[in-house]
Amino acid sequence: TFVFNHDYINTKTAASLSLGKKHSNEMIISLD
């Protein structure tokens, strides 16, 4: 699944993670 951070120039990694975690399963595993 691909999630788009259209404002990547002006945002930091937390913004990307916040977009990616929507409607996730019970546990989130995050990596860069």
PDB file of all heavy atoms in Angstrom:
ATOM      1  N   THR A   1       0.857  -1.191   0.000  1.00  0.00           N
ATOM      2  CA  THR A   1       0.000   0.000   0.000  1.00  0.00           C
ATOM      3  C   THR A   1       0.889   1.236   0.000  1.00  0.00           C
ATOM      4  O   THR A   1       1.809   1.349   0.813  1.00  0.00           O
ATOM      5  CB  THR A   1      -0.909   0.023   1.237  1.00  0.00           C
ATOM      6  OG1 THR A   1      -1.756  -1.127   1.210  1.00  0.00           O
ATOM      7  CG2 THR A   1      -1.764   1.284   1.261  1.00  0.00           C
ATOM      8  N   PHE A   2       0.606   2.169  -0.887  1.00  0.00           N
ATOM      9  CA  PHE A   2       1.361   3.421  -0.956  1.00  0.00           C
ATOM     10  C   PHE A   2       0.517   4.562  -0.406  1.00  0.00           C
ATOM     11  O   PHE A   2      -0.656   4.706  -0.746  1.00  0.00           O
ATOM     12  CB  PHE A   2       1.783   3.724  -2.391  1.00  0.00           C
ATOM     13  CG  PHE A   2       2.732   2.706  -2.959  1.00  0.00           C
ATOM     14  CD1 PHE A   2       2.261   1.683  -3.770  1.00  0.00           C
ATOM     15  CD2 PHE A   2       4.085   2.754  -2.647  1.00  0.00           C
ATOM     16  CE1 PHE A   2       3.128   0.730  -4.284  1.00  0.00           C
ATOM     17  CE2 PHE A   2       4.966   1.807  -3.153  1.00  0.00           C
ATOM     18  CZ  PHE A   2       4.487   0.790  -3.969  1.00  0.00           C
ATOM     19  N   VAL A   3       1.139   5.347   0.467  1.00  0.00           N
ATOM     20  CA  VAL A   3       0.491   6.508   1.075  1.00  0.00           C
ATOM     21  C   VAL A   3       1.276   7.742   0.649  1.00  0.00           C
ATOM     22  O   VAL A   3       2.509   7.751   0.745  1.00  0.00           O
ATOM     23  CB  VAL A   3       0.472   6.387   2.609  1.00  0.00           C
ATOM     24  CG1 VAL A   3      -0.204   7.606   3.234  1.00  0.00           C
ATOM     25  CG2 VAL A   3      -0.216   5.095   3.042  1.00  0.00           C
ATOM     26  N   PHE A   4       0.588   8.773   0.197  1.00  0.00           N
ATOM     27  CA  PHE A   4       1.265   9.957  -0.337  1.00  0.00           C
ATOM     28  C   PHE A   4       1.353  11.072   0.698  1.00  0.00           C
ATOM     29  O   PHE A   4       0.344  11.468   1.285  1.00  0.00           O
ATOM     30  CB  PHE A   4       0.529  10.478  -1.576  1.00  0.00           C
ATOM     31  CG  PHE A   4       0.744   9.641  -2.799  1.00  0.00           C
ATOM     32  CD1 PHE A   4       0.009   8.469  -2.999  1.00  0.00           C
ATOM     33  CD2 PHE A   4       1.693   9.990  -3.749  1.00  0.00           C
ATOM     34  CE1 PHE A   4       0.209   7.684  -4.120  1.00  0.00           C
ATOM     35  CE2 PHE A   4       1.905   9.214  -4.875  1.00  0.00           C
ATOM     36  CZ  PHE A   4       1.156   8.061  -5.055  1.00  0.00           C
ATOM     37  N   ASN A   5       2.567  11.554   0.901  1.00  0.00           N
ATOM     38  CA  ASN A   5       2.787  12.786   1.650  1.00  0.00           C
ATOM     39  C   ASN A   5       3.072  13.874   0.607  1.00  0.00           C
ATOM     40  O   ASN A   5       4.206  14.069   0.193  1.00  0.00           O
ATOM     41  CB  ASN A   5       3.958  12.642   2.614  1.00  0.00           C
ATOM     42  CG  ASN A   5       4.244  13.924   3.383  1.00  0.00           C
ATOM     43  OD1 ASN A   5       3.606  14.952   3.161  1.00  0.00           O
ATOM     44  ND2 ASN A   5       5.210  13.881   4.291  1.00  0.00           N
ATOM     45  N   HIS A   6       2.025  14.558   0.186  1.00  0.00           N
ATOM     46  CA  HIS A   6       2.175  15.551  -0.877  1.00  0.00           C
ATOM     47  C   HIS A   6       2.939  16.788  -0.418  1.00  0.00           C
ATOM     48  O   HIS A   6       3.457  17.533  -1.252  1.00  0.00           O
ATOM     49  CB  HIS A   6       0.794  15.947  -1.402  1.00  0.00           C
ATOM     50  CG  HIS A   6       0.068  14.830  -2.089  1.00  0.00           C
ATOM     51  ND1 HIS A   6       0.453  14.342  -3.309  1.00  0.00           N
ATOM     52  CD2 HIS A   6      -1.011  14.096  -1.693  1.00  0.00           C
ATOM     53  CE1 HIS A   6      -0.362  13.354  -3.674  1.00  0.00           C
ATOM     54  NE2 HIS A   6      -1.252  13.180  -2.712  1.00  0.00           N
ATOM     55  N   ASP A   7       3.012  16.987   0.892  1.00  0.00           N
ATOM     56  CA  ASP A   7       3.699  18.167   1.436  1.00  0.00           C
ATOM     57  C   ASP A   7       5.061  17.782   2.005  1.00  0.00           C
ATOM     58  O   ASP A   7       5.510  18.326   3.012  1.00  0.00           O
ATOM     59  CB  ASP A   7       2.822  18.820   2.514  1.00  0.00           C
ATOM     60  CG  ASP A   7       3.266  20.239   2.843  1.00  0.00           C
ATOM     61  OD1 ASP A   7       3.886  20.896   1.979  1.00  0.00           O
ATOM     62  OD2 ASP A   7       2.999  20.691   3.972  1.00  0.00           O
ATOM     63  N   TYR A   8       5.736  16.840   1.368  1.00  0.00           N
ATOM     64  CA  TYR A   8       6.997  16.310   1.895  1.00  0.00           C
ATOM     65  C   TYR A   8       8.089  17.365   1.998  1.00  0.00           C
ATOM     66  O   TYR A   8       8.997  17.248   2.820  1.00  0.00           O
ATOM     67  CB  TYR A   8       7.482  15.139   1.050  1.00  0.00           C
ATOM     68  CG  TYR A   8       7.831  15.494  -0.381  1.00  0.00           C
ATOM     69  CD1 TYR A   8       9.098  15.933  -0.728  1.00  0.00           C
ATOM     70  CD2 TYR A   8       6.875  15.399  -1.389  1.00  0.00           C
ATOM     71  CE1 TYR A   8       9.419  16.260  -2.038  1.00  0.00           C
ATOM     72  CE2 TYR A   8       7.181  15.725  -2.694  1.00  0.00           C
ATOM     73  CZ  TYR A   8       8.447  16.161  -3.013  1.00  0.00           C
ATOM     74  OH  TYR A   8       8.756  16.482  -4.307  1.00  0.00           O
ATOM     75  N   ILE A   9       8.022  18.413   1.187  1.00  0.00           N
ATOM     76  CA  ILE A   9       9.049  19.458   1.232  1.00  0.00           C
ATOM     77  C   ILE A   9       8.978  20.234   2.546  1.00  0.00           C
ATOM     78  O   ILE A   9      10.009  20.646   3.094  1.00  0.00           O
ATOM     79  CB  ILE A   9       8.902  20.424   0.035  1.00  0.00           C
ATOM     80  CG1 ILE A   9       9.204  19.686  -1.268  1.00  0.00           C
ATOM     81  CG2 ILE A   9       9.843  21.619   0.178  1.00  0.00           C
ATOM     82  CD1 ILE A   9       9.010  20.526  -2.512  1.00  0.00           C
ATOM     83  N   ASN A  10       7.780  20.410   3.070  1.00  0.00           N
ATOM     84  CA  ASN A  10       7.579  21.265   4.244  1.00  0.00           C
ATOM     85  C   ASN A  10       7.350  20.492   5.539  1.00  0.00           C
ATOM     86  O   ASN A  10       7.218  21.105   6.599  1.00  0.00           O
ATOM     87  CB  ASN A  10       6.376  22.193   4.015  1.00  0.00           C
ATOM     88  CG  ASN A  10       6.561  23.083   2.807  1.00  0.00           C
ATOM     89  OD1 ASN A  10       7.581  23.750   2.671  1.00  0.00           O
ATOM     90  ND2 ASN A  10       5.573  23.090   1.919  1.00  0.00           N
ATOM     91  N   THR A  11       7.296  19.173   5.478  1.00  0.00           N
ATOM     92  CA  THR A  11       6.991  18.392   6.676  1.00  0.00           C
ATOM     93  C   THR A  11       8.155  17.477   7.043  1.00  0.00           C
ATOM     94  O   THR A  11       9.033  17.206   6.229  1.00  0.00           O
ATOM     95  CB  THR A  11       5.731  17.540   6.472  1.00  0.00           C
ATOM     96  OG1 THR A  11       5.925  16.664   5.353  1.00  0.00           O
ATOM     97  CG2 THR A  11       4.519  18.424   6.225  1.00  0.00           C
ATOM     98  N   LYS A  12       8.109  16.989   8.274  1.00  0.00           N
ATOM     99  CA  LYS A  12       9.126  16.064   8.767  1.00  0.00           C
ATOM    100  C   LYS A  12       8.549  14.647   8.828  1.00  0.00           C
ATOM    101  O   LYS A  12       7.402  14.404   8.453  1.00  0.00           O
ATOM    102  CB  LYS A  12       9.643  16.531  10.130  1.00  0.00           C
ATOM    103  CG  LYS A  12      10.392  17.868  10.064  1.00  0.00           C
ATOM    104  CD  LYS A  12      10.941  18.243  11.422  1.00  0.00           C
ATOM    105  CE  LYS A  12      11.841  19.485  11.327  1.00  0.00           C
ATOM    106  NZ  LYS A  12      11.077  20.706  10.964  1.00  0.00           N
ATOM    107  N   THR A  13       9.349  13.731   9.338  1.00  0.00           N
ATOM    108  CA  THR A  13       8.986  12.320   9.293  1.00  0.00           C
ATOM    109  C   THR A  13       7.723  11.975  10.070  1.00  0.00           C
ATOM    110  O   THR A  13       7.016  11.038   9.713  1.00  0.00           O
ATOM    111  CB  THR A  13      10.146  11.460   9.819  1.00  0.00           C
ATOM    112  OG1 THR A  13      10.609  12.018  11.064  1.00  0.00           O
ATOM    113  CG2 THR A  13      11.302  11.441   8.828  1.00  0.00           C
ATOM    114  N   ALA A  14       7.426  12.720  11.118  1.00  0.00           N
ATOM    115  CA  ALA A  14       6.219  12.435  11.890  1.00  0.00           C
ATOM    116  C   ALA A  14       4.966  12.622  11.051  1.00  0.00           C
ATOM    117  O   ALA A  14       3.974  11.904  11.237  1.00  0.00           O
ATOM    118  CB  ALA A  14       6.156  13.312  13.138  1.00  0.00           C
ATOM    119  N   ALA A  15       5.000  13.577  10.136  1.00  0.00           N
ATOM    120  CA  ALA A  15       3.844  13.798   9.262  1.00  0.00           C
ATOM    121  C   ALA A  15       3.626  12.587   8.364  1.00  0.00           C
ATOM    122  O   ALA A  15       2.484  12.151   8.139  1.00  0.00           O
ATOM    123  CB  ALA A  15       4.045  15.056   8.432  1.00  0.00           C
ATOM    124  N   SER A  16       4.715  12.031   7.827  1.00  0.00           N
ATOM    125  CA  SER A  16       4.588  10.840   6.987  1.00  0.00           C
ATOM    126  C   SER A  16       4.058   9.657   7.788  1.00  0.00           C
ATOM    127  O   SER A  16       3.161   8.931   7.332  1.00  0.00           O
ATOM    128  CB  SER A  16       5.949  10.484   6.370  1.00  0.00           C
ATOM    129  OG  SER A  16       6.348  11.448   5.423  1.00  0.00           O
ATOM    130  N   LEU A  17       4.598   9.440   8.970  1.00  0.00           N
ATOM    131  CA  LEU A  17       4.135   8.344   9.812  1.00  0.00           C
ATOM    132  C   LEU A  17       2.668   8.516  10.175  1.00  0.00           C
ATOM    133  O   LEU A  17       1.899   7.549  10.175  1.00  0.00           O
ATOM    134  CB  LEU A  17       4.988   8.249  11.073  1.00  0.00           C
ATOM    135  CG  LEU A  17       4.570   7.202  12.111  1.00  0.00           C
ATOM    136  CD1 LEU A  17       4.533   5.811  11.495  1.00  0.00           C
ATOM    137  CD2 LEU A  17       5.507   7.239  13.306  1.00  0.00           C
ATOM    138  N   SER A  18       2.258   9.737  10.464  1.00  0.00           N
ATOM    139  CA  SER A  18       0.866  10.001  10.833  1.00  0.00           C
ATOM    140  C   SER A  18      -0.080   9.671   9.686  1.00  0.00           C
ATOM    141  O   SER A  18      -1.189   9.176   9.909  1.00  0.00           O
ATOM    142  CB  SER A  18       0.700  11.462  11.257  1.00  0.00           C
ATOM    143  OG  SER A  18       1.464  11.736  12.413  1.00  0.00           O
ATOM    144  N   LEU A  19       0.355   9.946   8.459  1.00  0.00           N
ATOM    145  CA  LEU A  19      -0.458   9.582   7.299  1.00  0.00           C
ATOM    146  C   LEU A  19      -0.508   8.066   7.128  1.00  0.00           C
ATOM    147  O   LEU A  19      -1.564   7.489   6.854  1.00  0.00           O
ATOM    148  CB  LEU A  19       0.124  10.228   6.042  1.00  0.00           C
ATOM    149  CG  LEU A  19       0.003  11.746   5.934  1.00  0.00           C
ATOM    150  CD1 LEU A  19       0.883  12.267   4.795  1.00  0.00           C
ATOM    151  CD2 LEU A  19      -1.451  12.157   5.699  1.00  0.00           C
ATOM    152  N   GLY A  20       0.616   7.419   7.310  1.00  0.00           N
ATOM    153  CA  GLY A  20       0.695   5.981   7.092  1.00  0.00           C
ATOM    154  C   GLY A  20      -0.055   5.148   8.107  1.00  0.00           C
ATOM    155  O   GLY A  20      -0.474   4.029   7.807  1.00  0.00           O
ATOM    156  N   LYS A  21      -0.240   5.670   9.308  1.00  0.00           N
ATOM    157  CA  LYS A  21      -0.830   4.860  10.376  1.00  0.00           C
ATOM    158  C   LYS A  21      -2.350   4.862  10.399  1.00  0.00           C
ATOM    159  O   LYS A  21      -2.978   4.161  11.198  1.00  0.00           O
ATOM    160  CB  LYS A  21      -0.302   5.319  11.738  1.00  0.00           C
ATOM    161  CG  LYS A  21      -0.891   6.611  12.274  1.00  0.00           C
ATOM    162  CD  LYS A  21      -0.255   6.975  13.609  1.00  0.00           C
ATOM    163  CE  LYS A  21      -0.904   8.189  14.250  1.00  0.00           C
ATOM    164  NZ  LYS A  21      -2.288   7.934  14.707  1.00  0.00           N
ATOM    165  N   LYS A  22      -2.975   5.616   9.519  1.00  0.00           N
ATOM    166  CA  LYS A  22      -4.434   5.675   9.516  1.00  0.00           C
ATOM    167  C   LYS A  22      -5.027   4.306   9.182  1.00  0.00           C
ATOM    168  O   LYS A  22      -4.597   3.634   8.259  1.00  0.00           O
ATOM    169  CB  LYS A  22      -4.912   6.717   8.506  1.00  0.00           C
ATOM    170  CG  LYS A  22      -4.565   8.154   8.890  1.00  0.00           C
ATOM    171  CD  LYS A  22      -5.073   9.146   7.861  1.00  0.00           C
ATOM    172  CE  LYS A  22      -4.746  10.579   8.271  1.00  0.00           C
ATOM    173  NZ  LYS A  22      -5.225  11.565   7.258  1.00  0.00           N
ATOM    174  N   HIS A  23      -6.010   3.895   9.982  1.00  0.00           N
ATOM    175  CA  HIS A  23      -6.725   2.627   9.772  1.00  0.00           C
ATOM    176  C   HIS A  23      -5.776   1.435   9.786  1.00  0.00           C
ATOM    177  O   HIS A  23      -5.922   0.487   9.003  1.00  0.00           O
ATOM    178  CB  HIS A  23      -7.516   2.672   8.459  1.00  0.00           C
ATOM    179  CG  HIS A  23      -8.342   3.903   8.281  1.00  0.00           C
ATOM    180  ND1 HIS A  23      -9.416   4.211   9.107  1.00  0.00           N
ATOM    181  CD2 HIS A  23      -8.245   4.935   7.396  1.00  0.00           C
ATOM    182  CE1 HIS A  23      -9.952   5.358   8.726  1.00  0.00           C
ATOM    183  NE2 HIS A  23      -9.252   5.829   7.701  1.00  0.00           N
ATOM    184  N   SER A  24      -4.790   1.486  10.670  1.00  0.00           N
ATOM    185  CA  SER A  24      -3.811   0.405  10.751  1.00  0.00           C
ATOM    186  C   SER A  24      -4.344  -0.754  11.580  1.00  0.00           C
ATOM    187  O   SER A  24      -5.414  -0.681  12.192  1.00  0.00           O
ATOM    188  CB  SER A  24      -2.519   0.931  11.373  1.00  0.00           C
ATOM    189  OG  SER A  24      -2.749   1.326  12.703  1.00  0.00           O
ATOM    190  N   ASN A  25      -3.563  -1.825  11.598  1.00  0.00           N
ATOM    191  CA  ASN A  25      -3.866  -2.955  12.467  1.00  0.00           C
ATOM    192  C   ASN A  25      -3.543  -2.607  13.918  1.00  0.00           C
ATOM    193  O   ASN A  25      -3.236  -1.471  14.238  1.00  0.00           O
ATOM    194  CB  ASN A  25      -3.082  -4.189  12.013  1.00  0.00           C
ATOM    195  CG  ASN A  25      -3.649  -4.790  10.735  1.00  0.00           C
ATOM    196  OD1 ASN A  25      -4.861  -4.859  10.559  1.00  0.00           O
ATOM    197  ND2 ASN A  25      -2.770  -5.217   9.835  1.00  0.00           N
ATOM    198  N   GLU A  26      -3.590  -3.618  14.798  1.00  0.00           N
ATOM    199  CA  GLU A  26      -3.464  -3.366  16.234  1.00  0.00           C
ATOM    200  C   GLU A  26      -2.123  -2.745  16.621  1.00  0.00           C
ATOM    201  O   GLU A  26      -2.050  -1.877  17.473  1.00  0.00           O
ATOM    202  CB  GLU A  26      -3.649  -4.676  17.001  1.00  0.00           C
ATOM    203  CG  GLU A  26      -5.029  -5.292  16.868  1.00  0.00           C
ATOM    204  CD  GLU A  26      -5.062  -6.690  17.430  1.00  0.00           C
ATOM    205  OE1 GLU A  26      -5.306  -6.832  18.650  1.00  0.00           O
ATOM    206  OE2 GLU A  26      -4.832  -7.647  16.662  1.00  0.00           O
ATOM    207  N   MET A  27      -1.050  -3.219  16.008  1.00  0.00           N
ATOM    208  CA  MET A  27       0.278  -2.726  16.355  1.00  0.00           C
ATOM    209  C   MET A  27       0.957  -2.136  15.127  1.00  0.00           C
ATOM    210  O   MET A  27       0.863  -2.685  14.034  1.00  0.00           O
ATOM    211  CB  MET A  27       1.133  -3.845  16.944  1.00  0.00           C
ATOM    212  CG  MET A  27       2.571  -3.452  17.258  1.00  0.00           C
ATOM    213  SD  MET A  27       3.459  -4.719  18.219  1.00  0.00           S
ATOM    214  CE  MET A  27       3.037  -4.210  19.889  1.00  0.00           C
ATOM    215  N   ILE A  28       1.648  -1.011  15.319  1.00  0.00           N
ATOM    216  CA  ILE A  28       2.386  -0.357  14.257  1.00  0.00           C
ATOM    217  C   ILE A  28       3.874  -0.636  14.433  1.00  0.00           C
ATOM    218  O   ILE A  28       4.419  -0.458  15.526  1.00  0.00           O
ATOM    219  CB  ILE A  28       2.136   1.162  14.274  1.00  0.00           C
ATOM    220  CG1 ILE A  28       0.703   1.462  13.825  1.00  0.00           C
ATOM    221  CG2 ILE A  28       3.144   1.905  13.410  1.00  0.00           C
ATOM    222  CD1 ILE A  28       0.300   2.904  14.037  1.00  0.00           C
ATOM    223  N   ILE A  29       4.508  -1.075  13.371  1.00  0.00           N
ATOM    224  CA  ILE A  29       5.974  -1.167  13.321  1.00  0.00           C
ATOM    225  C   ILE A  29       6.437  -0.115  12.331  1.00  0.00           C
ATOM    226  O   ILE A  29       6.018  -0.110  11.170  1.00  0.00           O
ATOM    227  CB  ILE A  29       6.463  -2.559  12.885  1.00  0.00           C
ATOM    228  CG1 ILE A  29       6.207  -3.605  13.974  1.00  0.00           C
ATOM    229  CG2 ILE A  29       7.969  -2.541  12.616  1.00  0.00           C
ATOM    230  CD1 ILE A  29       4.912  -4.279  13.946  1.00  0.00           C
ATOM    231  N   SER A  30       7.271   0.803  12.779  1.00  0.00           N
ATOM    232  CA  SER A  30       7.715   1.907  11.936  1.00  0.00           C
ATOM    233  C   SER A  30       9.218   1.829  11.709  1.00  0.00           C
ATOM    234  O   SER A  30       9.988   1.589  12.646  1.00  0.00           O
ATOM    235  CB  SER A  30       7.364   3.244  12.590  1.00  0.00           C
ATOM    236  OG  SER A  30       7.864   4.330  11.846  1.00  0.00           O
ATOM    237  N   LEU A  31       9.633   2.036  10.454  1.00  0.00           N
ATOM    238  CA  LEU A  31      11.045   2.119  10.127  1.00  0.00           C
ATOM    239  C   LEU A  31      11.252   3.136   9.024  1.00  0.00           C
ATOM    240  O   LEU A  31      10.322   3.483   8.291  1.00  0.00           O
ATOM    241  CB  LEU A  31      11.608   0.757   9.716  1.00  0.00           C
ATOM    242  CG  LEU A  31      10.900   0.013   8.576  1.00  0.00           C
ATOM    243  CD1 LEU A  31      11.911  -0.474   7.557  1.00  0.00           C
ATOM    244  CD2 LEU A  31      10.159  -1.201   9.149  1.00  0.00           C
ATOM    245  N   ASP A  32      12.472   3.635   8.922  1.00  0.00           N
ATOM    246  CA  ASP A  32      12.810   4.635   7.918  1.00  0.00           C
ATOM    247  C   ASP A  32      13.349   3.976   6.657  1.00  0.00           C
ATOM    248  O   ASP A  32      14.013   2.927   6.714  1.00  0.00           O
ATOM    249  CB  ASP A  32      13.848   5.611   8.468  1.00  0.00           C
ATOM    250  CG  ASP A  32      13.309   6.435   9.626  1.00  0.00           C
ATOM    251  OD1 ASP A  32      12.091   6.708   9.639  1.00  0.00           O
ATOM    252  OD2 ASP A  32      14.104   6.802  10.519  1.00  0.00           O
TER     253      ASP A  32
END
